[in-house]
């Protein structure tokens, strides 16, 4: 019999493996940061002896959720500017607020608040694009969260870098500093085609290729952007990226609201990935991304919340429910994007988008132990006929009871173990006062 660190015992195990297996009265053995075994409680008890047993009766146990696109430190701007169009929101509110206020302190405490919110709502991995990302990396490491993050690169000065070259140099520093870290991974992230010149896009792609890293960008977020880019380049944005040599299996596009059949075929042919952000897209009236069509073309699609300034929370359960319902409205077909598919987008497929499909996103032997437990003993989760239905249409982040990341318990019985949430909230409130005063001035 093998002795292991932890056994999660007696729950409903939703593995999110290739067969979408569900094990009733199941158990998971965890040794170090790795899943040592998954099976029925009888099978696991016969093979493993746990130094610690976590009872999972009346719980649904599943892979941690993967937030494929956010701006963590923007928790400091939650509710700052709402009910407006994307470019008005960006150019007249968000960019000015950032220019006056974003510094390492804001990046650190805003990211800490984001990590607390994400852990409490079942997210174990997030992909981040923002400023002073070394601060976010440090926070994620301290909180015990897995992340893929990159410094946003612009053509114009930002609070952290004055030139695109400085942005690229900062990214290289992140790559070299966090190489081989078990939790922190780096992505190269120019902001968008409308904020980065072709020369900067080429340099950013070359940096990603040098280190064999993901390359990610905001793309085709609304109709105005799509038209502007086509007029600027004399061709579709996707065709332009193809001719620039940017499209491959490491290319990740955020949003893709305005994709047509030609765009989807180009993406499918090159193995590109997409992160769908339905709530942010709805709030900014950007449109409805053709996710059902992307999946029909074989494109791997994950889910993201975007930042708290345009959502305004980081709850991936909300995002799953919205994604499923919005696709049905787009097609006027209640059968598209069923709950099982959407759950996969937030777990297994989300991991594939971020290049982590071999280590996270499903529960099977040899995978990293990124696991959440959902308390099913709730009125709104009773009765239970279908686990996927409950995850997507009934459950919320507040139903997450316990969170394990890389084999480490970071939340137990709703108690955060790696973050002092009262201290973090107090710090962010102080920062918010500074933001308010700067905008009034």
Protein backbone atom coordinates (compact mmCIF):
# COMPACT_ATOMS: atom_id res chain seq x y z
CA UNK A 1 0.00 0.00 0.00
CA UNK A 2 1.33 3.45 -0.97
CA UNK A 3 1.39 6.21 1.62
CA UNK A 4 0.35 9.61 0.25
CA UNK A 5 -0.07 13.08 1.71
CA UNK A 6 -3.81 13.50 1.27
CA UNK A 7 -6.89 11.53 0.28
CA UNK A 8 -10.10 13.32 -0.66
CA UNK A 9 -12.67 10.71 0.23
CA UNK A 10 -16.29 9.93 -0.57
CA UNK A 11 -17.31 12.66 -3.01
CA UNK A 12 -18.79 12.86 -6.49
CA UNK A 13 -15.65 13.12 -8.66
CA UNK A 14 -16.05 14.99 -11.95
CA UNK A 15 -12.77 14.20 -13.67
CA UNK A 16 -13.09 16.34 -16.83
CA UNK A 17 -10.97 13.70 -18.57
CA UNK A 18 -11.34 12.75 -22.24
CA UNK A 19 -14.34 10.54 -21.41
CA UNK A 20 -15.89 13.11 -19.04
CA UNK A 21 -15.97 10.40 -16.36
CA UNK A 22 -17.95 10.94 -13.17
CA UNK A 23 -17.28 8.71 -10.17
CA UNK A 24 -19.97 8.51 -7.50
CA UNK A 25 -18.55 7.79 -4.05
CA UNK A 26 -15.10 8.48 -5.42
CA UNK A 27 -11.76 9.41 -3.90
CA UNK A 28 -8.55 11.11 -5.00
CA UNK A 29 -5.07 10.37 -3.67
CA UNK A 30 -2.63 13.30 -3.68
CA UNK A 31 1.10 12.91 -3.18
CA UNK A 32 3.14 16.09 -3.13
CA UNK A 33 1.76 18.29 -5.90
CA UNK A 34 0.48 15.39 -8.01
CA UNK A 35 -2.65 13.27 -8.34
CA UNK A 36 -1.49 9.76 -7.43
CA UNK A 37 -4.80 8.05 -8.09
CA UNK A 38 -8.48 8.62 -8.89
CA UNK A 39 -11.18 5.99 -8.49
CA UNK A 40 -13.98 4.69 -6.35
CA UNK A 41 -13.46 5.04 -2.62
CA UNK A 42 -13.07 1.28 -2.40
CA UNK A 43 -10.33 1.28 -5.05
CA UNK A 44 -8.40 4.17 -3.52
CA UNK A 45 -8.63 2.76 0.01
CA UNK A 46 -7.20 -0.52 -1.23
CA UNK A 47 -4.18 1.18 -2.83
CA UNK A 48 -3.35 4.24 -0.70
CA UNK A 49 -2.93 5.25 2.90
CA UNK A 50 -3.40 8.98 3.45
CA UNK A 51 -1.60 10.98 6.11
CA UNK A 52 -4.58 13.30 5.94
CA UNK A 53 -8.17 12.50 4.97
CA UNK A 54 -10.50 15.21 3.65
CA UNK A 55 -14.11 14.08 3.77
CA UNK A 56 -16.03 14.97 0.62
CA UNK A 57 -19.47 13.61 1.43
CA UNK A 58 -22.17 15.83 -0.14
CA UNK A 59 -19.47 17.50 -2.24
CA UNK A 60 -18.75 17.65 -5.94
CA UNK A 61 -14.99 17.37 -6.49
CA UNK A 62 -13.63 18.66 -9.79
CA UNK A 63 -10.59 20.29 -11.42
CA UNK A 64 -9.95 23.89 -10.47
CA UNK A 65 -11.39 26.44 -12.88
CA UNK A 66 -9.14 28.21 -15.38
CA UNK A 67 -9.67 31.91 -16.00
CA UNK A 68 -8.17 32.31 -19.46
CA UNK A 69 -8.12 36.12 -19.58
CA UNK A 70 -8.14 38.79 -16.92
CA UNK A 71 -6.39 41.91 -15.68
CA UNK A 72 -5.97 41.06 -12.02
CA UNK A 73 -4.88 44.42 -10.60
CA UNK A 74 -7.90 46.12 -12.18
CA UNK A 75 -9.89 45.04 -9.13
CA UNK A 76 -8.81 48.52 -7.96
CA UNK A 77 -10.97 50.01 -10.75
CA UNK A 78 -14.07 47.86 -10.15
CA UNK A 79 -17.16 49.99 -10.84
CA UNK A 80 -15.10 53.03 -11.85
CA UNK A 81 -16.72 53.47 -15.27
CA UNK A 82 -19.75 51.49 -16.39
CA UNK A 83 -22.43 51.56 -19.08
CA UNK A 84 -20.36 52.86 -21.98
CA UNK A 85 -18.87 51.72 -25.29
CA UNK A 86 -15.45 50.04 -25.40
CA UNK A 87 -13.34 52.85 -26.91
CA UNK A 88 -15.04 55.54 -24.80
CA UNK A 89 -14.48 53.37 -21.72
CA UNK A 90 -10.82 52.75 -22.59
CA UNK A 91 -9.71 56.14 -23.89
CA UNK A 92 -11.67 58.48 -21.64
CA UNK A 93 -11.76 56.60 -18.35
CA UNK A 94 -9.52 53.55 -17.98
CA UNK A 95 -6.34 54.76 -19.70
CA UNK A 96 -6.44 58.13 -17.83
CA UNK A 97 -7.13 56.43 -14.49
CA UNK A 98 -4.24 54.04 -15.11
CA UNK A 99 -1.85 56.80 -16.15
CA UNK A 100 -2.49 58.69 -12.90
CA UNK A 101 -2.63 55.78 -10.49
CA UNK A 102 -1.06 52.50 -11.56
CA UNK A 103 2.21 51.81 -9.78
CA UNK A 104 3.79 48.74 -8.17
CA UNK A 105 1.72 49.22 -5.02
CA UNK A 106 -1.58 49.20 -6.91
CA UNK A 107 -0.46 46.24 -9.01
CA UNK A 108 0.49 44.26 -5.90
CA UNK A 109 -2.59 44.87 -3.77
CA UNK A 110 -5.04 44.81 -6.68
CA UNK A 111 -3.61 41.44 -7.71
CA UNK A 112 -3.79 40.19 -4.13
CA UNK A 113 -7.48 41.10 -4.01
CA UNK A 114 -8.01 39.33 -7.34
CA UNK A 115 -6.28 36.17 -6.08
CA UNK A 116 -8.47 36.15 -2.98
CA UNK A 117 -11.61 36.53 -5.09
CA UNK A 118 -10.54 33.89 -7.58
CA UNK A 119 -9.60 31.30 -4.97
CA UNK A 120 -12.86 31.86 -3.12
CA UNK A 121 -14.79 31.23 -6.34
CA UNK A 122 -12.88 28.12 -7.41
CA UNK A 123 -10.32 29.46 -9.89
CA UNK A 124 -6.93 27.81 -9.53
CA UNK A 125 -5.20 29.10 -12.70
CA UNK A 126 -5.45 32.51 -14.36
CA UNK A 127 -3.95 34.19 -17.43
CA UNK A 128 -3.15 37.84 -16.79
CA UNK A 129 -2.25 40.84 -18.93
CA UNK A 130 -1.47 44.08 -17.15
CA UNK A 131 1.21 46.42 -15.82
CA UNK A 132 4.01 45.75 -13.31
CA UNK A 133 3.34 42.05 -13.78
CA UNK A 134 6.31 41.08 -11.63
CA UNK A 135 4.19 42.27 -8.70
CA UNK A 136 1.32 40.04 -9.83
CA UNK A 137 3.73 37.11 -10.17
CA UNK A 138 4.95 37.59 -6.61
CA UNK A 139 1.40 37.80 -5.28
CA UNK A 140 0.30 34.68 -7.15
CA UNK A 141 3.31 32.78 -5.85
CA UNK A 142 2.58 33.85 -2.27
CA UNK A 143 -1.12 33.02 -2.64
CA UNK A 144 -0.27 29.62 -4.13
CA UNK A 145 -2.08 30.29 -7.42
CA UNK A 146 -1.02 28.97 -10.81
CA UNK A 147 -0.75 31.67 -13.46
CA UNK A 148 0.30 32.55 -16.99
CA UNK A 149 1.07 36.26 -17.11
CA UNK A 150 2.66 38.88 -19.30
CA UNK A 151 3.46 42.58 -19.24
CA UNK A 152 1.14 44.44 -21.60
CA UNK A 153 3.08 46.01 -24.47
CA UNK A 154 1.92 49.28 -26.10
CA UNK A 155 3.26 51.60 -28.77
CA UNK A 156 2.83 54.50 -26.36
CA UNK A 157 4.16 55.09 -22.82
CA UNK A 158 2.48 53.22 -19.96
CA UNK A 159 2.87 53.62 -16.20
CA UNK A 160 5.48 50.84 -16.18
CA UNK A 161 7.36 51.32 -19.47
CA UNK A 162 8.02 54.36 -21.66
CA UNK A 163 8.64 52.60 -24.99
CA UNK A 164 7.75 49.28 -26.66
CA UNK A 165 11.40 48.29 -26.31
CA UNK A 166 11.15 48.74 -22.53
CA UNK A 167 8.00 46.62 -22.55
CA UNK A 168 9.79 43.86 -24.41
CA UNK A 169 12.76 44.13 -22.05
CA UNK A 170 10.42 43.88 -19.04
CA UNK A 171 8.87 40.77 -20.59
CA UNK A 172 12.32 39.23 -21.09
CA UNK A 173 13.10 39.97 -17.43
CA UNK A 174 9.91 38.13 -16.40
CA UNK A 175 10.84 35.16 -18.59
CA UNK A 176 14.31 34.86 -17.12
CA UNK A 177 13.27 35.54 -13.52
CA UNK A 178 10.42 33.03 -13.40
CA UNK A 179 11.91 30.24 -15.51
CA UNK A 180 11.05 26.81 -14.10
CA UNK A 181 8.85 28.20 -11.32
CA UNK A 182 6.21 25.58 -10.45
CA UNK A 183 3.35 28.10 -10.47
CA UNK A 184 4.34 31.22 -12.43
CA UNK A 185 4.49 30.95 -16.24
CA UNK A 186 5.09 33.77 -18.72
CA UNK A 187 3.31 34.77 -21.94
CA UNK A 188 4.27 37.52 -24.42
CA UNK A 189 1.34 39.95 -24.67
CA UNK A 190 1.16 42.95 -27.00
CA UNK A 191 -2.12 44.67 -26.15
CA UNK A 192 -3.88 44.77 -29.53
CA UNK A 193 -3.37 45.49 -33.21
CA UNK A 194 -4.82 48.99 -32.72
CA UNK A 195 -2.34 49.86 -29.94
CA UNK A 196 0.78 48.15 -31.35
CA UNK A 197 2.53 48.76 -34.67
CA UNK A 198 3.36 45.86 -36.97
CA UNK A 199 7.03 46.30 -36.05
CA UNK A 200 6.23 45.84 -32.34
CA UNK A 201 4.03 42.83 -33.08
CA UNK A 202 6.91 41.22 -35.01
CA UNK A 203 9.38 41.84 -32.17
CA UNK A 204 6.96 40.46 -29.61
CA UNK A 205 6.37 37.34 -31.70
CA UNK A 206 10.13 36.87 -32.12
CA UNK A 207 10.54 37.01 -28.34
CA UNK A 208 7.80 34.42 -27.86
CA UNK A 209 9.43 32.17 -30.47
CA UNK A 210 12.86 32.56 -28.87
CA UNK A 211 11.58 31.01 -25.65
CA UNK A 212 8.81 28.85 -27.17
CA UNK A 213 6.16 30.71 -25.18
CA UNK A 214 2.50 31.53 -25.81
CA UNK A 215 1.79 34.75 -27.71
CA UNK A 216 -1.49 36.46 -26.81
CA UNK A 217 -3.40 39.56 -27.91
CA UNK A 218 -6.83 41.21 -27.76
CA UNK A 219 -8.44 40.65 -31.16
CA UNK A 220 -11.66 41.60 -32.99
CA UNK A 221 -13.40 42.70 -29.81
CA UNK A 222 -16.09 44.73 -31.55
CA UNK A 223 -17.28 45.74 -35.00
CA UNK A 224 -15.59 49.14 -34.93
CA UNK A 225 -12.21 47.54 -34.23
CA UNK A 226 -12.66 44.99 -37.02
CA UNK A 227 -13.53 47.71 -39.55
CA UNK A 228 -10.70 49.98 -38.41
CA UNK A 229 -8.12 47.22 -38.75
CA UNK A 230 -9.34 46.12 -42.18
CA UNK A 231 -9.12 49.71 -43.44
CA UNK A 232 -5.66 50.12 -41.90
CA UNK A 233 -4.16 46.91 -43.26
CA UNK A 234 -6.18 46.51 -46.45
CA UNK A 235 -7.11 43.00 -45.37
CA UNK A 236 -8.75 41.12 -42.53
CA UNK A 237 -6.93 41.24 -39.20
CA UNK A 238 -6.60 37.46 -39.15
CA UNK A 239 -5.10 37.45 -42.64
CA UNK A 240 -2.70 40.21 -41.61
CA UNK A 241 -1.56 38.20 -38.57
CA UNK A 242 -1.14 35.16 -40.80
CA UNK A 243 1.07 37.07 -43.25
CA UNK A 244 3.10 38.40 -40.29
CA UNK A 245 3.81 34.83 -39.21
CA UNK A 246 1.99 35.20 -35.88
CA UNK A 247 -0.52 32.39 -36.19
CA UNK A 248 0.38 28.98 -34.80
CA UNK A 249 -0.62 26.60 -32.00
CA UNK A 250 0.83 29.00 -29.38
CA UNK A 251 -1.29 31.95 -30.52
CA UNK A 252 -4.05 32.96 -28.09
CA UNK A 253 -6.68 35.55 -29.03
CA UNK A 254 -8.87 37.22 -26.42
CA UNK A 255 -12.52 37.99 -27.32
CA UNK A 256 -12.85 37.32 -31.11
CA UNK A 257 -16.39 38.68 -31.11
CA UNK A 258 -16.33 39.64 -34.80
CA UNK A 259 -15.01 36.45 -36.36
CA UNK A 260 -16.60 35.19 -39.57
CA UNK A 261 -16.22 31.87 -41.40
CA UNK A 262 -12.98 32.91 -43.10
CA UNK A 263 -11.46 34.02 -39.79
CA UNK A 264 -12.44 30.78 -38.11
CA UNK A 265 -11.00 28.69 -40.92
CA UNK A 266 -7.69 30.57 -40.69
CA UNK A 267 -7.56 29.99 -36.94
CA UNK A 268 -8.46 26.32 -37.27
CA UNK A 269 -5.84 25.75 -39.97
CA UNK A 270 -3.11 27.19 -37.74
CA UNK A 271 -4.18 25.65 -34.42
CA UNK A 272 -4.84 29.05 -32.82
CA UNK A 273 -6.70 29.26 -29.51
CA UNK A 274 -9.45 31.62 -28.30
CA UNK A 275 -10.56 32.86 -24.89
CA UNK A 276 -14.24 33.80 -24.77
CA UNK A 277 -15.25 36.58 -22.32
CA UNK A 278 -19.05 36.69 -22.57
CA UNK A 279 -19.93 38.94 -19.63
CA UNK A 280 -17.42 41.65 -20.50
CA UNK A 281 -18.49 41.50 -24.15
CA UNK A 282 -22.13 41.91 -23.13
CA UNK A 283 -21.47 44.76 -20.70
CA UNK A 284 -19.50 46.74 -23.30
CA UNK A 285 -22.08 45.86 -25.98
CA UNK A 286 -19.29 44.44 -28.10
CA UNK A 287 -21.49 41.67 -29.47
CA UNK A 288 -21.81 37.91 -29.21
CA UNK A 289 -18.76 35.85 -30.13
CA UNK A 290 -19.62 32.96 -32.49
CA UNK A 291 -18.37 30.32 -30.07
CA UNK A 292 -20.54 27.52 -31.42
CA UNK A 293 -19.07 28.16 -34.87
CA UNK A 294 -15.53 28.18 -33.50
CA UNK A 295 -16.08 24.80 -31.86
CA UNK A 296 -17.58 23.43 -35.08
CA UNK A 297 -14.34 24.45 -36.84
CA UNK A 298 -12.31 22.60 -34.23
CA UNK A 299 -10.89 25.69 -32.51
CA UNK A 300 -10.04 25.17 -28.85
CA UNK A 301 -11.93 27.76 -26.80
CA UNK A 302 -11.49 28.63 -23.13
CA UNK A 303 -13.34 31.04 -20.87
CA UNK A 304 -12.24 34.23 -19.14
CA UNK A 305 -13.77 36.94 -17.01
CA UNK A 306 -11.73 39.86 -18.37
CA UNK A 307 -10.92 42.48 -15.73
CA UNK A 308 -13.09 43.75 -12.89
CA UNK A 309 -13.46 47.13 -14.58
CA UNK A 310 -15.53 45.56 -17.36
CA UNK A 311 -17.29 42.57 -15.77
CA UNK A 312 -17.31 43.35 -12.66
CA UNK A 313 -16.30 40.14 -10.86
CA UNK A 314 -13.95 37.19 -11.31
CA UNK A 315 -16.49 34.40 -10.76
CA UNK A 316 -16.02 31.73 -13.42
CA UNK A 317 -19.30 30.04 -12.47
CA UNK A 318 -21.08 33.22 -13.60
CA UNK A 319 -19.05 33.13 -16.80
CA UNK A 320 -19.98 29.51 -17.54
CA UNK A 321 -23.68 30.17 -17.12
CA UNK A 322 -23.54 33.28 -19.28
CA UNK A 323 -21.53 31.55 -22.00
CA UNK A 324 -24.04 28.71 -22.26
CA UNK A 325 -27.09 30.97 -22.35
CA UNK A 326 -25.58 33.53 -24.73
CA UNK A 327 -24.69 30.89 -27.32
CA UNK A 328 -28.28 29.68 -27.29
CA UNK A 329 -29.50 33.22 -27.92
CA UNK A 330 -27.00 33.71 -30.75
CA UNK A 331 -28.17 30.57 -32.56
CA UNK A 332 -31.77 30.58 -31.27
CA UNK A 333 -31.07 26.95 -30.48
CA UNK A 334 -31.30 25.61 -26.90
CA UNK A 335 -29.06 22.64 -27.71
CA UNK A 336 -25.84 24.52 -28.54
CA UNK A 337 -23.04 24.84 -25.99
CA UNK A 338 -24.48 22.32 -23.52
CA UNK A 339 -23.40 22.37 -19.89
CA UNK A 340 -20.84 19.59 -20.32
CA UNK A 341 -19.11 21.49 -23.14
CA UNK A 342 -19.00 24.71 -21.15
CA UNK A 343 -17.59 22.93 -18.10
CA UNK A 344 -14.85 21.61 -20.37
CA UNK A 345 -14.12 25.15 -21.59
CA UNK A 346 -13.50 26.21 -17.98
CA UNK A 347 -11.31 23.19 -17.16
CA UNK A 348 -9.75 20.81 -19.70
CA UNK A 349 -10.00 23.07 -22.75
CA UNK A 350 -9.01 26.15 -20.77
CA UNK A 351 -5.80 24.34 -19.87
CA UNK A 352 -5.18 23.46 -23.51
CA UNK A 353 -5.61 27.11 -24.51
CA UNK A 354 -2.89 28.15 -22.06
CA UNK A 355 -0.54 25.36 -23.09
CA UNK A 356 -1.05 23.52 -19.80
CA UNK A 357 -3.20 20.64 -20.96
CA UNK A 358 -0.61 18.04 -19.95
CA UNK A 359 -0.56 19.16 -16.33
CA UNK A 360 -3.88 20.72 -15.28
CA UNK A 361 -7.54 20.85 -16.28
CA UNK A 362 -8.51 17.26 -15.49
CA UNK A 363 -8.24 14.82 -12.61
CA UNK A 364 -6.22 11.76 -13.50
CA UNK A 365 -3.03 10.10 -12.35
CA UNK A 366 0.07 12.21 -12.94
CA UNK A 367 -1.72 15.56 -13.27
CA UNK A 368 -1.05 18.44 -10.90
CA UNK A 369 -3.39 18.43 -7.90
CA UNK A 370 -5.46 21.54 -8.69
CA UNK A 371 -8.81 20.57 -7.17
CA UNK A 372 -11.95 22.29 -5.88
CA UNK A 373 -14.74 20.94 -3.70
CA UNK A 374 -18.27 22.29 -4.12
CA UNK A 375 -20.71 21.99 -1.22
CA UNK A 376 -23.86 20.37 -2.65
CA UNK A 377 -25.79 20.56 0.61
CA UNK A 378 -27.53 23.80 -0.38
CA UNK A 379 -31.18 24.54 -1.23
CA UNK A 380 -30.31 25.85 -4.70
CA UNK A 381 -28.30 22.69 -5.45
CA UNK A 382 -31.05 20.30 -4.36
CA UNK A 383 -32.04 17.90 -5.88
CA UNK A 384 -29.14 16.76 -8.07
CA UNK A 385 -29.92 14.96 -11.35
CA UNK A 386 -27.01 16.14 -13.49
CA UNK A 387 -23.67 17.41 -12.22
CA UNK A 388 -22.86 19.49 -15.30
CA UNK A 389 -26.24 21.19 -15.18
CA UNK A 390 -25.65 22.23 -11.59
CA UNK A 391 -22.13 23.55 -12.30
CA UNK A 392 -23.24 25.75 -15.19
CA UNK A 393 -26.81 26.74 -14.35
CA UNK A 394 -27.15 26.60 -10.55
CA UNK A 395 -23.84 26.76 -8.68
CA UNK A 396 -21.91 29.93 -7.85
CA UNK A 397 -18.46 30.77 -6.62
CA UNK A 398 -19.70 31.01 -3.05
CA UNK A 399 -20.53 27.27 -3.14
CA UNK A 400 -16.84 26.38 -3.36
CA UNK A 401 -15.82 24.94 -0.01
CA UNK A 402 -12.18 23.90 -0.33
CA UNK A 403 -9.46 24.68 -2.89
CA UNK A 404 -6.21 22.80 -3.46
CA UNK A 405 -3.55 24.11 -5.85
CA UNK A 406 -0.40 22.16 -6.69
CA UNK A 407 -1.22 19.84 -3.79
CA UNK A 408 -1.44 22.69 -1.26
CA UNK A 409 -4.69 23.59 0.51
CA UNK A 410 -5.18 27.32 -0.07
CA UNK A 411 -8.79 27.51 1.16
CA UNK A 412 -10.51 25.15 3.58
CA UNK A 413 -14.16 25.42 4.61
CA UNK A 414 -14.28 28.89 2.99
CA UNK A 415 -11.28 30.09 5.00
CA UNK A 416 -8.40 31.50 2.96
CA UNK A 417 -5.11 30.09 4.22
CA UNK A 418 -2.58 31.99 2.09
CA UNK A 419 -4.07 35.51 1.96
CA UNK A 420 -5.11 37.90 4.73
CA UNK A 421 -8.23 39.12 3.00
CA UNK A 422 -9.06 41.80 5.60
CA UNK A 423 -5.64 43.37 5.18
CA UNK A 424 -5.87 43.18 1.38
CA UNK A 425 -9.32 44.81 1.28
CA UNK A 426 -8.16 47.59 3.60
CA UNK A 427 -5.16 48.31 1.36
CA UNK A 428 -7.31 48.41 -1.78
CA UNK A 429 -9.79 50.77 -0.12
CA UNK A 430 -6.89 53.16 0.59
CA UNK A 431 -5.81 52.94 -3.05
CA UNK A 432 -9.39 53.62 -4.18
CA UNK A 433 -9.41 56.88 -2.22
CA UNK A 434 -6.30 57.93 -4.11
CA UNK A 435 -7.94 56.98 -7.43
CA UNK A 436 -11.05 59.01 -6.61
CA UNK A 437 -9.03 62.09 -5.72
CA UNK A 438 -6.96 61.84 -8.91
CA UNK A 439 -10.10 61.71 -11.07
CA UNK A 440 -11.72 64.60 -9.23
CA UNK A 441 -8.57 66.65 -9.79
